[in-house]
Amino acid sequence: MIPSSPATALWPLALYTASVVLLAALMIFLSYILGERHREGATGQQYESGIISTGSVRMRFDVRFYLVAMFFVIFDLETVFIVAWAISFRRLGWPGYTAVVLFIAILAAVLVYLWRTGALQWGASLRRAATPEGKG
């Protein structure tokens, strides 16, 4: 058997990379040549579900929206761990049960902490609390 050098071992990778780059360039070139061109004024306007947009399309969200979204993703991800435990709970036995109870207790403690600090408040109650002396 002839020992292969690193250069001979890499030629399939180089051939594959060159063919991918060539194919991508060919597809871009063909879409440029064969694609339709529109010069109408309505081509560049926003169009959302059949309704013509009014006003600016750049809408700013309150930072609390992202905070609640992160909490949702975090607590939703914990569900994956609990379901994985539920699938294999017979094999894990009491140590697995103790671990998941501790895990759920920590989640509950975090949820209580978020609730008590006001991180989950959304809407009119938060605006009233932000005004001086709660009036407003």
N, C-alpha and C. Protein backbone atom coordinates (compact mmCIF):
# COMPACT_ATOMS: atom_id res chain seq x y z
N MET A 1 0.85 -1.18 0.00
CA MET A 1 0.00 0.00 0.00
C MET A 1 0.88 1.24 0.00
N ILE A 2 0.52 2.18 -0.83
CA ILE A 2 1.29 3.41 -0.96
C ILE A 2 0.81 4.40 0.09
N PRO A 3 1.73 4.92 0.92
CA PRO A 3 1.31 5.92 1.92
C PRO A 3 0.87 7.20 1.22
N SER A 4 -0.23 7.75 1.70
CA SER A 4 -0.74 8.97 1.08
C SER A 4 -0.18 10.19 1.80
N SER A 5 0.15 11.19 1.02
CA SER A 5 0.64 12.43 1.60
C SER A 5 -0.55 13.34 1.90
N PRO A 6 -0.36 14.35 2.74
CA PRO A 6 -1.47 15.26 3.04
C PRO A 6 -2.02 15.96 1.81
N ALA A 7 -1.18 16.21 0.81
CA ALA A 7 -1.64 16.90 -0.40
C ALA A 7 -2.59 16.01 -1.20
N THR A 8 -2.30 14.73 -1.27
CA THR A 8 -3.19 13.84 -2.02
C THR A 8 -4.46 13.53 -1.25
N ALA A 9 -4.44 13.68 0.05
CA ALA A 9 -5.63 13.43 0.85
C ALA A 9 -6.60 14.62 0.80
N LEU A 10 -6.11 15.81 0.47
CA LEU A 10 -6.95 17.00 0.46
C LEU A 10 -7.54 17.33 -0.90
N TRP A 11 -7.16 16.65 -1.95
CA TRP A 11 -7.68 17.01 -3.28
C TRP A 11 -9.19 16.82 -3.39
N PRO A 12 -9.82 15.81 -2.77
CA PRO A 12 -11.29 15.74 -2.86
C PRO A 12 -11.97 16.95 -2.19
N LEU A 13 -11.42 17.41 -1.07
CA LEU A 13 -11.97 18.58 -0.40
C LEU A 13 -11.82 19.82 -1.26
N ALA A 14 -10.68 19.98 -1.90
CA ALA A 14 -10.45 21.14 -2.78
C ALA A 14 -11.39 21.08 -3.99
N LEU A 15 -11.58 19.89 -4.56
CA LEU A 15 -12.49 19.74 -5.69
C LEU A 15 -13.93 20.05 -5.29
N TYR A 16 -14.34 19.58 -4.12
CA TYR A 16 -15.69 19.84 -3.62
C TYR A 16 -15.89 21.34 -3.38
N THR A 17 -14.93 21.99 -2.74
CA THR A 17 -15.02 23.43 -2.47
C THR A 17 -15.10 24.23 -3.76
N ALA A 18 -14.28 23.86 -4.74
CA ALA A 18 -14.30 24.57 -6.02
C ALA A 18 -15.63 24.37 -6.74
N SER A 19 -16.18 23.16 -6.68
CA SER A 19 -17.46 22.93 -7.35
C SER A 19 -18.60 23.68 -6.65
N VAL A 20 -18.57 23.79 -5.32
CA VAL A 20 -19.60 24.54 -4.60
C VAL A 20 -19.52 26.03 -4.94
N VAL A 21 -18.34 26.58 -4.96
CA VAL A 21 -18.17 28.00 -5.30
C VAL A 21 -18.61 28.25 -6.74
N LEU A 22 -18.22 27.36 -7.65
CA LEU A 22 -18.61 27.50 -9.05
C LEU A 22 -20.13 27.41 -9.22
N LEU A 23 -20.76 26.46 -8.55
CA LEU A 23 -22.20 26.32 -8.64
C LEU A 23 -22.93 27.54 -8.08
N ALA A 24 -22.48 28.06 -6.94
CA ALA A 24 -23.10 29.26 -6.35
C ALA A 24 -22.94 30.46 -7.29
N ALA A 25 -21.75 30.63 -7.86
CA ALA A 25 -21.52 31.74 -8.80
C ALA A 25 -22.39 31.58 -10.04
N LEU A 26 -22.53 30.36 -10.53
CA LEU A 26 -23.37 30.12 -11.70
C LEU A 26 -24.84 30.43 -11.41
N MET A 27 -25.33 30.05 -10.25
CA MET A 27 -26.72 30.33 -9.90
C MET A 27 -26.96 31.83 -9.76
N ILE A 28 -26.04 32.55 -9.15
CA ILE A 28 -26.20 34.00 -9.02
C ILE A 28 -26.16 34.67 -10.40
N PHE A 29 -25.24 34.23 -11.26
CA PHE A 29 -25.13 34.80 -12.59
C PHE A 29 -26.39 34.52 -13.42
N LEU A 30 -26.90 33.29 -13.37
CA LEU A 30 -28.09 32.96 -14.13
C LEU A 30 -29.32 33.71 -13.62
N SER A 31 -29.43 33.88 -12.31
CA SER A 31 -30.58 34.64 -11.80
C SER A 31 -30.49 36.10 -12.20
N TYR A 32 -29.29 36.62 -12.32
CA TYR A 32 -29.12 38.01 -12.77
C TYR A 32 -29.51 38.13 -14.24
N ILE A 33 -29.10 37.17 -15.06
CA ILE A 33 -29.38 37.22 -16.50
C ILE A 33 -30.84 36.93 -16.80
N LEU A 34 -31.40 35.90 -16.16
CA LEU A 34 -32.75 35.44 -16.49
C LEU A 34 -33.85 36.08 -15.64
N GLY A 35 -33.49 36.77 -14.57
CA GLY A 35 -34.48 37.33 -13.66
C GLY A 35 -35.23 38.51 -14.25
N GLU A 36 -36.43 38.75 -13.73
CA GLU A 36 -37.23 39.88 -14.18
C GLU A 36 -36.73 41.17 -13.54
N ARG A 37 -36.95 42.26 -14.28
CA ARG A 37 -36.57 43.56 -13.75
C ARG A 37 -37.81 44.45 -13.76
N HIS A 38 -38.09 45.03 -12.61
CA HIS A 38 -39.24 45.92 -12.48
C HIS A 38 -38.74 47.33 -12.21
N ARG A 39 -39.31 48.28 -12.91
CA ARG A 39 -38.93 49.67 -12.71
C ARG A 39 -40.08 50.50 -12.17
N GLU A 40 -41.22 49.87 -11.83
CA GLU A 40 -42.37 50.61 -11.34
C GLU A 40 -42.07 51.19 -9.96
N GLY A 41 -42.78 52.26 -9.61
CA GLY A 41 -42.57 52.89 -8.32
C GLY A 41 -43.03 52.04 -7.15
N ALA A 42 -44.04 51.19 -7.37
CA ALA A 42 -44.58 50.36 -6.28
C ALA A 42 -43.68 49.19 -5.94
N THR A 43 -42.67 48.91 -6.75
CA THR A 43 -41.81 47.76 -6.51
C THR A 43 -41.04 47.89 -5.20
N GLY A 44 -40.60 49.08 -4.88
CA GLY A 44 -39.80 49.28 -3.69
C GLY A 44 -40.59 49.56 -2.43
N GLN A 45 -41.91 49.62 -2.50
CA GLN A 45 -42.71 49.93 -1.32
C GLN A 45 -42.98 48.69 -0.49
N GLN A 46 -43.21 48.90 0.82
CA GLN A 46 -43.52 47.79 1.71
C GLN A 46 -44.93 47.28 1.43
N TYR A 47 -45.10 45.98 1.59
CA TYR A 47 -46.40 45.36 1.34
C TYR A 47 -46.55 44.22 2.33
N GLU A 48 -47.49 44.34 3.24
CA GLU A 48 -47.65 43.35 4.30
C GLU A 48 -49.04 42.77 4.26
N SER A 49 -49.18 41.54 3.83
CA SER A 49 -50.43 40.80 3.84
C SER A 49 -51.56 41.54 3.13
N GLY A 50 -51.26 42.20 2.05
CA GLY A 50 -52.28 42.87 1.26
C GLY A 50 -52.65 44.25 1.76
N ILE A 51 -51.99 44.73 2.80
CA ILE A 51 -52.30 46.04 3.37
C ILE A 51 -51.11 46.96 3.10
N ILE A 52 -51.39 48.09 2.50
CA ILE A 52 -50.32 49.05 2.25
C ILE A 52 -49.94 49.70 3.56
N SER A 53 -48.65 49.74 3.83
CA SER A 53 -48.16 50.28 5.10
C SER A 53 -48.36 51.79 5.18
N THR A 54 -48.64 52.26 6.38
CA THR A 54 -48.70 53.69 6.63
C THR A 54 -47.75 53.99 7.77
N GLY A 55 -47.04 55.04 7.66
CA GLY A 55 -46.09 55.41 8.71
C GLY A 55 -44.77 54.66 8.55
N SER A 56 -43.98 54.73 9.57
CA SER A 56 -42.67 54.12 9.54
C SER A 56 -42.77 52.61 9.79
N VAL A 57 -41.93 51.86 9.11
CA VAL A 57 -41.91 50.41 9.33
C VAL A 57 -40.97 50.05 10.47
N ARG A 58 -40.21 51.00 10.93
CA ARG A 58 -39.29 50.75 12.05
C ARG A 58 -40.01 51.10 13.34
N MET A 59 -40.42 50.07 14.05
CA MET A 59 -41.15 50.26 15.29
C MET A 59 -40.25 49.83 16.45
N ARG A 60 -40.17 50.66 17.45
CA ARG A 60 -39.32 50.34 18.60
C ARG A 60 -40.15 49.63 19.65
N PHE A 61 -39.61 48.53 20.13
CA PHE A 61 -40.25 47.78 21.20
C PHE A 61 -39.66 48.20 22.53
N ASP A 62 -40.48 48.14 23.55
CA ASP A 62 -40.02 48.42 24.90
C ASP A 62 -39.06 47.31 25.32
N VAL A 63 -38.07 47.66 26.11
CA VAL A 63 -37.08 46.67 26.55
C VAL A 63 -37.73 45.58 27.38
N ARG A 64 -38.85 45.86 28.04
CA ARG A 64 -39.53 44.84 28.83
C ARG A 64 -40.06 43.71 27.96
N PHE A 65 -40.38 44.01 26.70
CA PHE A 65 -40.81 42.96 25.78
C PHE A 65 -39.71 41.92 25.61
N TYR A 66 -38.48 42.36 25.42
CA TYR A 66 -37.37 41.43 25.25
C TYR A 66 -37.08 40.68 26.55
N LEU A 67 -37.25 41.34 27.68
CA LEU A 67 -37.04 40.70 28.96
C LEU A 67 -38.03 39.56 29.16
N VAL A 68 -39.30 39.81 28.88
CA VAL A 68 -40.31 38.76 29.01
C VAL A 68 -40.05 37.65 27.99
N ALA A 69 -39.61 38.01 26.80
CA ALA A 69 -39.30 37.00 25.79
C ALA A 69 -38.15 36.11 26.24
N MET A 70 -37.13 36.69 26.87
CA MET A 70 -36.01 35.88 27.38
C MET A 70 -36.48 34.97 28.50
N PHE A 71 -37.32 35.47 29.39
CA PHE A 71 -37.84 34.61 30.46
C PHE A 71 -38.64 33.46 29.88
N PHE A 72 -39.43 33.73 28.85
CA PHE A 72 -40.21 32.66 28.22
C PHE A 72 -39.29 31.60 27.64
N VAL A 73 -38.26 32.01 26.92
CA VAL A 73 -37.35 31.04 26.31
C VAL A 73 -36.64 30.23 27.39
N ILE A 74 -36.20 30.88 28.44
CA ILE A 74 -35.49 30.17 29.51
C ILE A 74 -36.40 29.16 30.18
N PHE A 75 -37.61 29.57 30.56
CA PHE A 75 -38.50 28.64 31.25
C PHE A 75 -39.05 27.59 30.29
N ASP A 76 -39.14 27.90 29.01
CA ASP A 76 -39.57 26.91 28.04
C ASP A 76 -38.49 25.86 27.84
N LEU A 77 -37.24 26.25 27.88
CA LEU A 77 -36.14 25.31 27.75
C LEU A 77 -36.07 24.36 28.93
N GLU A 78 -36.46 24.84 30.11
CA GLU A 78 -36.46 23.97 31.28
C GLU A 78 -37.45 22.82 31.10
N THR A 79 -38.50 23.06 30.34
CA THR A 79 -39.49 22.01 30.08
C THR A 79 -38.85 20.83 29.37
N VAL A 80 -37.88 21.09 28.50
CA VAL A 80 -37.19 20.01 27.80
C VAL A 80 -36.48 19.10 28.80
N PHE A 81 -35.85 19.70 29.79
CA PHE A 81 -35.15 18.89 30.79
C PHE A 81 -36.13 18.07 31.62
N ILE A 82 -37.24 18.66 31.97
CA ILE A 82 -38.22 17.94 32.79
C ILE A 82 -38.86 16.82 31.98
N VAL A 83 -39.14 17.04 30.71
CA VAL A 83 -39.70 15.97 29.88
C VAL A 83 -38.69 14.85 29.70
N ALA A 84 -37.42 15.19 29.50
CA ALA A 84 -36.38 14.15 29.39
C ALA A 84 -36.31 13.33 30.67
N TRP A 85 -36.45 13.96 31.82
CA TRP A 85 -36.47 13.22 33.07
C TRP A 85 -37.70 12.34 33.14
N ALA A 86 -38.86 12.85 32.72
CA ALA A 86 -40.10 12.07 32.79
C ALA A 86 -40.03 10.83 31.91
N ILE A 87 -39.33 10.91 30.80
CA ILE A 87 -39.21 9.76 29.91
C ILE A 87 -38.39 8.65 30.56
N SER A 88 -37.36 9.02 31.30
CA SER A 88 -36.46 8.00 31.87
C SER A 88 -36.52 7.96 33.39
N PHE A 89 -37.66 8.30 33.99
CA PHE A 89 -37.70 8.38 35.44
C PHE A 89 -37.58 7.02 36.12
N ARG A 90 -38.01 5.94 35.49
CA ARG A 90 -37.89 4.61 36.12
C ARG A 90 -36.43 4.18 36.23
N ARG A 91 -35.63 4.49 35.22
CA ARG A 91 -34.21 4.12 35.28
C ARG A 91 -33.43 5.01 36.25
N LEU A 92 -33.87 6.24 36.44
CA LEU A 92 -33.13 7.16 37.31
C LEU A 92 -33.41 6.90 38.79
N GLY A 93 -34.59 6.43 39.09
CA GLY A 93 -34.93 6.09 40.48
C GLY A 93 -35.03 7.32 41.37
N TRP A 94 -34.79 7.08 42.68
CA TRP A 94 -34.90 8.15 43.67
C TRP A 94 -33.88 9.26 43.49
N PRO A 95 -32.63 8.97 43.12
CA PRO A 95 -31.69 10.08 42.89
C PRO A 95 -32.16 11.02 41.77
N GLY A 96 -32.73 10.47 40.70
CA GLY A 96 -33.25 11.30 39.63
C GLY A 96 -34.45 12.11 40.08
N TYR A 97 -35.32 11.49 40.90
CA TYR A 97 -36.48 12.19 41.43
C TYR A 97 -36.03 13.36 42.32
N THR A 98 -35.06 13.12 43.17
CA THR A 98 -34.54 14.17 44.04
C THR A 98 -33.93 15.31 43.22
N ALA A 99 -33.21 14.95 42.16
CA ALA A 99 -32.58 15.98 41.33
C ALA A 99 -33.63 16.83 40.63
N VAL A 100 -34.70 16.21 40.10
CA VAL A 100 -35.70 17.00 39.40
C VAL A 100 -36.53 17.83 40.37
N VAL A 101 -36.76 17.35 41.58
CA VAL A 101 -37.46 18.15 42.57
C VAL A 101 -36.62 19.37 42.95
N LEU A 102 -35.32 19.19 43.11
CA LEU A 102 -34.43 20.31 43.40
C LEU A 102 -34.41 21.29 42.22
N PHE A 103 -34.38 20.76 41.00
CA PHE A 103 -34.39 21.59 39.80
C PHE A 103 -35.66 22.43 39.73
N ILE A 104 -36.81 21.83 39.98
CA ILE A 104 -38.09 22.55 39.94
C ILE A 104 -38.17 23.55 41.09
N ALA A 105 -37.60 23.22 42.24
CA ALA A 105 -37.59 24.16 43.36
C ALA A 105 -36.76 25.40 43.01
N ILE A 106 -35.63 25.20 42.35
CA ILE A 106 -34.80 26.34 41.94
C ILE A 106 -35.56 27.19 40.92
N LEU A 107 -36.24 26.54 39.97
CA LEU A 107 -37.04 27.28 39.00
C LEU A 107 -38.15 28.08 39.68
N ALA A 108 -38.80 27.48 40.66
CA ALA A 108 -39.86 28.18 41.38
C ALA A 108 -39.29 29.37 42.15
N ALA A 109 -38.11 29.19 42.75
CA ALA A 109 -37.48 30.29 43.48
C ALA A 109 -37.12 31.44 42.53
N VAL A 110 -36.63 31.11 41.35
CA VAL A 110 -36.30 32.15 40.37
C VAL A 110 -37.57 32.86 39.91
N LEU A 111 -38.64 32.11 39.69
CA LEU A 111 -39.89 32.71 39.27
C LEU A 111 -40.44 33.64 40.35
N VAL A 112 -40.38 33.24 41.61
CA VAL A 112 -40.83 34.10 42.71
C VAL A 112 -39.96 35.34 42.79
N TYR A 113 -38.66 35.19 42.61
CA TYR A 113 -37.75 36.33 42.64
C TYR A 113 -38.10 37.33 41.52
N LEU A 114 -38.33 36.81 40.31
CA LEU A 114 -38.68 37.69 39.19
C LEU A 114 -40.00 38.39 39.43
N TRP A 115 -40.94 37.67 40.00
CA TRP A 115 -42.25 38.25 40.28
C TRP A 115 -42.14 39.34 41.34
N ARG A 116 -41.36 39.08 42.41
CA ARG A 116 -41.23 40.05 43.51
C ARG A 116 -40.45 41.30 43.09
N THR A 117 -39.48 41.15 42.18
CA THR A 117 -38.71 42.32 41.75
C THR A 117 -39.44 43.14 40.68
N GLY A 118 -40.57 42.63 40.18
CA GLY A 118 -41.35 43.36 39.20
C GLY A 118 -40.92 43.13 37.77
N ALA A 119 -40.07 42.14 37.53
CA ALA A 119 -39.60 41.89 36.17
C ALA A 119 -40.69 41.35 35.28
N LEU A 120 -41.75 40.79 35.84
CA LEU A 120 -42.83 40.22 35.05
C LEU A 120 -44.02 41.16 34.91
N GLN A 121 -43.93 42.35 35.49
CA GLN A 121 -45.04 43.30 35.38
C GLN A 121 -45.08 43.90 33.99
N TRP A 122 -46.27 44.02 33.47
CA TRP A 122 -46.43 44.54 32.13
C TRP A 122 -47.75 45.29 32.07
N GLY A 123 -47.75 46.49 31.60
CA GLY A 123 -49.01 47.20 31.42
C GLY A 123 -49.21 48.35 32.38
N ALA A 124 -50.49 48.62 32.70
CA ALA A 124 -50.88 49.81 33.44
C ALA A 124 -50.35 49.81 34.88
N SER A 125 -50.28 48.66 35.51
CA SER A 125 -49.83 48.63 36.91
C SER A 125 -48.38 49.09 37.02
N LEU A 126 -47.56 48.80 36.03
CA LEU A 126 -46.17 49.24 36.05
C LEU A 126 -46.08 50.75 35.83
N ARG A 127 -46.92 51.29 34.97
CA ARG A 127 -46.88 52.73 34.73
C ARG A 127 -47.33 53.51 35.95
N ARG A 128 -48.32 52.98 36.69
CA ARG A 128 -48.76 53.66 37.91
C ARG A 128 -47.67 53.64 38.97
N ALA A 129 -46.94 52.52 39.05
CA ALA A 129 -45.88 52.42 40.07
C ALA A 129 -44.70 53.32 39.73
N ALA A 130 -44.52 53.66 38.45
CA ALA A 130 -43.40 54.50 38.05
C ALA A 130 -43.63 55.96 38.31
N THR A 131 -44.88 56.39 38.48
CA THR A 131 -45.16 57.79 38.76
C THR A 131 -44.86 58.10 40.21
N PRO A 132 -44.58 59.35 40.52
CA PRO A 132 -44.28 59.71 41.93
C PRO A 132 -45.47 59.38 42.84
N GLU A 133 -45.19 58.71 43.91
CA GLU A 133 -46.15 58.35 44.95
C GLU A 133 -47.29 57.48 44.43
N GLY A 134 -47.07 56.81 43.28
CA GLY A 134 -48.05 55.90 42.75
C GLY A 134 -49.30 56.56 42.21
N LYS A 135 -49.30 57.90 42.04
CA LYS A 135 -50.49 58.59 41.52
C LYS A 135 -50.32 58.76 40.02
N GLY A 136 -51.40 58.64 39.32
CA GLY A 136 -51.23 58.94 37.93
C GLY A 136 -52.19 58.27 37.08
